[in-house]
Structure formats: structure tokens, C-alpha cells
C-alpha atoms as a PDB file:
ATOM      1  CA  MET A   1     121.313 105.924 127.564  1.00  0.00           C
ATOM      2  CA  VAL A   2     121.074 105.579 123.866  1.00  0.00           C
ATOM      3  CA  GLN A   3     123.359 108.230 122.260  1.00  0.00           C
ATOM      4  CA  ARG A   4     122.237 107.788 118.619  1.00  0.00           C
ATOM      5  CA  TYR A   5     119.472 106.068 116.729  1.00  0.00           C
ATOM      6  CA  SER A   6     120.081 102.373 115.721  1.00  0.00           C
ATOM      7  CA  LYS A   7     120.805 101.514 112.151  1.00  0.00           C
ATOM      8  CA  PHE A   8     117.241 100.018 111.957  1.00  0.00           C
ATOM      9  CA  MET A   9     115.636 103.365 113.073  1.00  0.00           C
ATOM     10  CA  ILE A  10     117.914 105.321 110.747  1.00  0.00           C
ATOM     11  CA  VAL A  11     116.911 103.122 107.701  1.00  0.00           C
ATOM     12  CA  LEU A  12     113.205 103.449 108.690  1.00  0.00           C
ATOM     13  CA  HIS A  13     113.435 107.216 109.054  1.00  0.00           C
ATOM     14  CA  TRP A  14     114.980 107.726 105.613  1.00  0.00           C
ATOM     15  CA  LEU A  15     112.801 105.243 103.859  1.00  0.00           C
ATOM     16  CA  THR A  16     109.710 106.944 105.406  1.00  0.00           C
ATOM     17  CA  ALA A  17     111.077 110.324 104.281  1.00  0.00           C
ATOM     18  CA  ILE A  18     111.653 109.144 100.719  1.00  0.00           C
ATOM     19  CA  CYS A  19     108.104 107.543 100.631  1.00  0.00           C
ATOM     20  CA  VAL A  20     106.353 110.716 101.857  1.00  0.00           C
ATOM     21  CA  VAL A  21     108.116 112.874  99.377  1.00  0.00           C
ATOM     22  CA  VAL A  22     107.498 110.414  96.448  1.00  0.00           C
ATOM     23  CA  ALA A  23     103.856 110.094  97.467  1.00  0.00           C
ATOM     24  CA  TRP A  24     103.419 113.803  97.532  1.00  0.00           C
ATOM     25  CA  PHE A  25     104.886 114.214  94.112  1.00  0.00           C
ATOM     26  CA  LEU A  26     102.625 111.470  92.738  1.00  0.00           C
ATOM     27  CA  GLY A  27      99.450 112.759  94.354  1.00  0.00           C
ATOM     28  CA  GLU A  28      96.624 113.589  92.165  1.00  0.00           C
ATOM     29  CA  GLY A  29      93.176 114.873  92.839  1.00  0.00           C
ATOM     30  CA  GLY A  30      89.883 115.588  90.987  1.00  0.00           C
ATOM     31  CA  PRO A  31      87.643 113.426  88.931  1.00  0.00           C
ATOM     32  CA  GLN A  32      90.462 111.976  86.796  1.00  0.00           C
ATOM     33  CA  ILE A  33      91.458 109.670  89.623  1.00  0.00           C
ATOM     34  CA  LEU A  34      88.174 107.761  89.106  1.00  0.00           C
ATOM     35  CA  LYS A  35      89.257 106.763  85.608  1.00  0.00           C
ATOM     36  CA  ASN A  36      92.949 106.424  86.350  1.00  0.00           C
ATOM     37  CA  PRO A  37      93.613 105.682  90.048  1.00  0.00           C
ATOM     38  CA  PRO A  38      97.066 106.701  91.233  1.00  0.00           C
ATOM     39  CA  THR A  39      98.174 103.268  92.173  1.00  0.00           C
ATOM     40  CA  VAL A  40     101.842 104.206  92.709  1.00  0.00           C
ATOM     41  CA  HIS A  41     100.736 107.032  94.931  1.00  0.00           C
ATOM     42  CA  PHE A  42      98.771 104.507  96.940  1.00  0.00           C
ATOM     43  CA  ALA A  43     101.629 102.119  97.203  1.00  0.00           C
ATOM     44  CA  PHE A  44     104.014 104.851  98.589  1.00  0.00           C
ATOM     45  CA  GLY A  45     101.333 106.159 100.880  1.00  0.00           C
ATOM     46  CA  LEU A  46     100.667 102.769 102.294  1.00  0.00           C
ATOM     47  CA  ALA A  47     104.333 102.071 102.583  1.00  0.00           C
ATOM     48  CA  VAL A  48     104.392 105.032 104.959  1.00  0.00           C
ATOM     49  CA  LEU A  49     101.778 103.465 107.077  1.00  0.00           C
ATOM     50  CA  VAL A  50     103.615 100.169 107.062  1.00  0.00           C
ATOM     51  CA  LEU A  51     106.947 101.797 108.053  1.00  0.00           C
ATOM     52  CA  VAL A  52     105.398 103.785 110.810  1.00  0.00           C
ATOM     53  CA  VAL A  53     104.450 100.702 112.756  1.00  0.00           C
ATOM     54  CA  PRO A  54     107.998  99.362 113.445  1.00  0.00           C
ATOM     55  CA  ARG A  55     109.198 102.929 113.953  1.00  0.00           C
ATOM     56  CA  LEU A  56     106.694 103.422 116.741  1.00  0.00           C
ATOM     57  CA  ILE A  57     107.464 100.075 118.372  1.00  0.00           C
ATOM     58  CA  ALA A  58     111.145 100.641 118.231  1.00  0.00           C
ATOM     59  CA  ARG A  59     110.705 104.249 119.646  1.00  0.00           C
ATOM     60  CA  LEU A  60     108.468 103.075 122.450  1.00  0.00           C
ATOM     61  CA  ALA A  61     110.934 100.260 123.284  1.00  0.00           C
ATOM     62  CA  GLY A  62     113.607 102.909 123.929  1.00  0.00           C
ATOM     63  CA  GLY A  63     115.162 103.124 120.522  1.00  0.00           C
ATOM     64  CA  ALA A  64     115.215 106.836 120.487  1.00  0.00           C
ATOM     65  CA  PRO A  65     118.032 108.779 122.219  1.00  0.00           C
ATOM     66  CA  ARG A  66     117.131 111.236 124.928  1.00  0.00           C
ATOM     67  CA  LEU A  67     117.028 114.924 124.023  1.00  0.00           C
ATOM     68  CA  ASP A  68     120.172 116.858 124.859  1.00  0.00           C
ATOM     69  CA  PRO A  69     119.700 117.922 128.506  1.00  0.00           C
ATOM     70  CA  ARG A  70     121.671 121.158 127.710  1.00  0.00           C
ATOM     71  CA  SER A  71     118.959 122.165 125.225  1.00  0.00           C
ATOM     72  CA  ALA A  72     116.618 124.974 126.370  1.00  0.00           C
ATOM     73  CA  PRO A  73     113.408 123.653 127.794  1.00  0.00           C
ATOM     74  CA  LEU A  74     111.364 125.355 125.039  1.00  0.00           C
ATOM     75  CA  LEU A  75     113.488 123.604 122.365  1.00  0.00           C
ATOM     76  CA  GLN A  76     112.851 120.240 124.199  1.00  0.00           C
ATOM     77  CA  LEU A  77     109.135 120.935 124.302  1.00  0.00           C
ATOM     78  CA  ALA A  78     109.148 121.840 120.562  1.00  0.00           C
ATOM     79  CA  ALA A  79     110.987 118.710 119.672  1.00  0.00           C
ATOM     80  CA  LYS A  80     108.619 116.478 121.559  1.00  0.00           C
ATOM     81  CA  ALA A  81     105.513 118.336 119.955  1.00  0.00           C
ATOM     82  CA  GLY A  82     107.098 118.320 116.615  1.00  0.00           C
ATOM     83  CA  HIS A  83     107.667 114.552 116.614  1.00  0.00           C
ATOM     84  CA  ALA A  84     104.224 113.855 117.906  1.00  0.00           C
ATOM     85  CA  VAL A  85     102.726 115.903 115.072  1.00  0.00           C
ATOM     86  CA  LEU A  86     104.912 114.195 112.511  1.00  0.00           C
ATOM     87  CA  TYR A  87     103.829 110.668 113.735  1.00  0.00           C
ATOM     88  CA  ALA A  88     100.185 111.861 113.608  1.00  0.00           C
ATOM     89  CA  PHE A  89     100.617 112.846 110.005  1.00  0.00           C
ATOM     90  CA  LEU A  90     102.425 109.502 109.297  1.00  0.00           C
ATOM     91  CA  ILE A  91      99.458 107.671 110.390  1.00  0.00           C
ATOM     92  CA  ALA A  92      96.572 110.078 109.361  1.00  0.00           C
ATOM     93  CA  MET A  93      97.756 110.839 105.803  1.00  0.00           C
ATOM     94  CA  PRO A  94      97.671 107.147 104.481  1.00  0.00           C
ATOM     95  CA  LEU A  95      94.518 106.364 106.424  1.00  0.00           C
ATOM     96  CA  SER A  96      92.714 109.458 105.129  1.00  0.00           C
ATOM     97  CA  GLY A  97      93.819 108.597 101.627  1.00  0.00           C
ATOM     98  CA  TRP A  98      92.637 105.069 101.887  1.00  0.00           C
ATOM     99  CA  TYR A  99      89.373 106.190 103.259  1.00  0.00           C
ATOM    100  CA  ALA A 100      88.936 108.832 100.484  1.00  0.00           C
ATOM    101  CA  ALA A 101      89.672 106.286  97.865  1.00  0.00           C
ATOM    102  CA  SER A 102      87.055 103.934  99.500  1.00  0.00           C
ATOM    103  CA  ALA A 103      84.482 106.709  99.511  1.00  0.00           C
ATOM    104  CA  LEU A 104      85.075 107.267  95.817  1.00  0.00           C
ATOM    105  CA  GLY A 105      84.682 103.525  95.200  1.00  0.00           C
ATOM    106  CA  ILE A 106      88.320 103.195  94.008  1.00  0.00           C
ATOM    107  CA  PRO A 107      89.812  99.905  95.060  1.00  0.00           C
ATOM    108  CA  VAL A 108      93.165 100.306  96.775  1.00  0.00           C
ATOM    109  CA  THR A 109      95.423  97.653  95.229  1.00  0.00           C
ATOM    110  CA  VAL A 110      99.085  97.341  96.175  1.00  0.00           C
ATOM    111  CA  PHE A 111     101.424  94.758  94.597  1.00  0.00           C
ATOM    112  CA  GLY A 112      98.366  92.867  93.331  1.00  0.00           C
ATOM    113  CA  VAL A 113      96.567  92.739  96.587  1.00  0.00           C
ATOM    114  CA  THR A 114      93.273  94.645  96.997  1.00  0.00           C
ATOM    115  CA  LEU A 115      92.784  96.031 100.402  1.00  0.00           C
ATOM    116  CA  PRO A 116      89.336  96.151 102.057  1.00  0.00           C
ATOM    117  CA  ALA A 117      87.460  99.422 101.719  1.00  0.00           C
ATOM    118  CA  LEU A 118      87.374 101.569 104.798  1.00  0.00           C
ATOM    119  CA  THR A 119      83.884 102.906 103.978  1.00  0.00           C
ATOM    120  CA  ALA A 120      81.191 102.338 101.487  1.00  0.00           C
ATOM    121  CA  PRO A 121      81.266 104.373  98.288  1.00  0.00           C
ATOM    122  CA  VAL A 122      79.217 107.528  98.167  1.00  0.00           C
ATOM    123  CA  GLN A 123      77.417 109.183  95.211  1.00  0.00           C
ATOM    124  CA  GLN A 124      78.492 112.786  96.288  1.00  0.00           C
ATOM    125  CA  PRO A 125      82.095 114.110  96.617  1.00  0.00           C
ATOM    126  CA  PRO A 126      83.943 112.174  99.272  1.00  0.00           C
ATOM    127  CA  GLY A 127      83.830 115.146 101.593  1.00  0.00           C
ATOM    128  CA  ILE A 128      86.057 116.509 104.343  1.00  0.00           C
ATOM    129  CA  VAL A 129      88.473 113.528 104.695  1.00  0.00           C
ATOM    130  CA  ALA A 130      89.461 113.757 101.184  1.00  0.00           C
ATOM    131  CA  ASP A 131      89.857 117.524 101.457  1.00  0.00           C
ATOM    132  CA  LEU A 132      91.960 117.042 104.556  1.00  0.00           C
ATOM    133  CA  HIS A 133      94.017 114.380 102.818  1.00  0.00           C
ATOM    134  CA  SER A 134      94.665 116.596  99.821  1.00  0.00           C
ATOM    135  CA  ASN A 135      95.632 119.671 101.753  1.00  0.00           C
ATOM    136  CA  GLY A 136      97.189 117.841 104.590  1.00  0.00           C
ATOM    137  CA  GLY A 137      99.881 116.412 102.235  1.00  0.00           C
ATOM    138  CA  THR A 138     101.198 119.887 101.618  1.00  0.00           C
ATOM    139  CA  VAL A 139     100.956 120.810 105.326  1.00  0.00           C
ATOM    140  CA  PHE A 140     102.820 117.578 106.251  1.00  0.00           C
ATOM    141  CA  LEU A 141     105.603 118.371 103.705  1.00  0.00           C
ATOM    142  CA  VAL A 142     106.041 121.757 105.240  1.00  0.00           C
ATOM    143  CA  ILE A 143     106.149 120.409 108.670  1.00  0.00           C
ATOM    144  CA  ALA A 144     108.665 117.765 107.645  1.00  0.00           C
ATOM    145  CA  GLY A 145     110.729 120.456 106.032  1.00  0.00           C
ATOM    146  CA  LEU A 146     110.749 122.523 109.222  1.00  0.00           C
ATOM    147  CA  HIS A 147     111.891 119.240 110.987  1.00  0.00           C
ATOM    148  CA  GLY A 148     114.824 119.056 108.572  1.00  0.00           C
ATOM    149  CA  LEU A 149     115.555 122.709 109.021  1.00  0.00           C
ATOM    150  CA  MET A 150     115.664 122.278 112.787  1.00  0.00           C
ATOM    151  CA  ALA A 151     118.169 119.443 112.375  1.00  0.00           C
ATOM    152  CA  LEU A 152     120.352 121.732 110.327  1.00  0.00           C
ATOM    153  CA  TYR A 153     119.951 124.504 112.877  1.00  0.00           C
ATOM    154  CA  HIS A 154     121.122 122.192 115.573  1.00  0.00           C
ATOM    155  CA  HIS A 155     124.119 120.991 113.402  1.00  0.00           C
ATOM    156  CA  PHE A 156     125.278 124.476 112.155  1.00  0.00           C
ATOM    157  CA  VAL A 157     124.118 126.864 114.796  1.00  0.00           C
ATOM    158  CA  LEU A 158     123.931 125.127 118.050  1.00  0.00           C
ATOM    159  CA  LYS A 159     126.768 122.687 117.055  1.00  0.00           C
ATOM    160  CA  ASP A 160     125.291 119.635 118.711  1.00  0.00           C
ATOM    161  CA  ASP A 161     124.859 116.085 117.675  1.00  0.00           C
ATOM    162  CA  THR A 162     121.101 116.066 116.907  1.00  0.00           C
ATOM    163  CA  LEU A 163     121.681 115.595 113.170  1.00  0.00           C
ATOM    164  CA  ARG A 164     124.497 113.092 113.521  1.00  0.00           C
ATOM    165  CA  ARG A 165     122.276 110.945 115.589  1.00  0.00           C
ATOM    166  CA  MET A 166     120.059 110.224 112.550  1.00  0.00           C
ATOM    167  CA  THR A 167     122.796 109.832 109.972  1.00  0.00           C
ATOM    168  CA  PRO A 168     124.864 106.683 109.251  1.00  0.00           C
ATOM    169  CA  ALA A 169     127.902 106.416 111.312  1.00  0.00           C
END
């Protein structure tokens, strides 16, 4: 049984966390993005999408340690649900942003490569997907913050190794 995350998973975790926070701080909305697209926000957002693929593969291949069997069943259920929600956001946020940019007719260019549009441009506001992306970023950051707080709770209150499993040895 794996007792801690591999160095690979730890690096992916923290790189993803940094990209999420930076993308959130660089996020813009409103009509000004048509004139001045937030290309750095796009780059960090798409980096999240790129990083989540090897994370999921490694996790599904057994790269995640099992939950502490001494943990209460409700905590184990909350951990599983919380991770599922985090992974859903890690996929949905970049894709919804890419879709919203496409709907606005904004080319998504990262490191000089223009990605294909996910939908045709529309004449009216891009709609619910753009709204979900905009508001979802803040919701995602709150959920990620709760994830961090739970790790601290495990470390300082429950005094288990949950946090140590995701930090460098």
C-alpha cells in the first residue's frame, strides 16, 4: 500500500495549485476582454487542464495512498467527495473558459499556438457557460481553500499524516 504520494504527484499537485491561484488572480471579465484578451490567464488555465491529465492517470494507476482506515467513515466519504469535486473543477474550469472565449470569437493562443475554437462565435453575450466560468472560479478557490483547511485540520487537530503525504519528504 502506498503510504505517501510520489514526488511526481506532489509536484503536479503544487504546480496545479499555483496555476489555479494565478489564473484566478489574472481572470478578467466583461467587454474589455474582446479588445485585450487575457492571454496569460488562458495560459495558466490551460496549464491546469494539461496538468490534470497525468494527475488522473497516476491516481487511477494507484498513485494515491489509501485513506487512513482509522478515519471516521464520514471523513472518508467527505475526502472522496471533495477530491471528486476538485477534479471536476480542474477539468470544467479550463474547458468552460476555452468555450466562453470561443463563443466570444477570441482566439485562444498559448505560447504562439492558436487552439481550435470549441464553438462558433455568437453575436449575443456568450451565456451561461461564461457565467459559470466566471463565478465558478471563485467557488473553485473556496473549495480548494477548504481542501487546504482540512489538510491543516488533519495535521494539527487529528495529528495524522494526511498533510505530510503531500509534502516533500
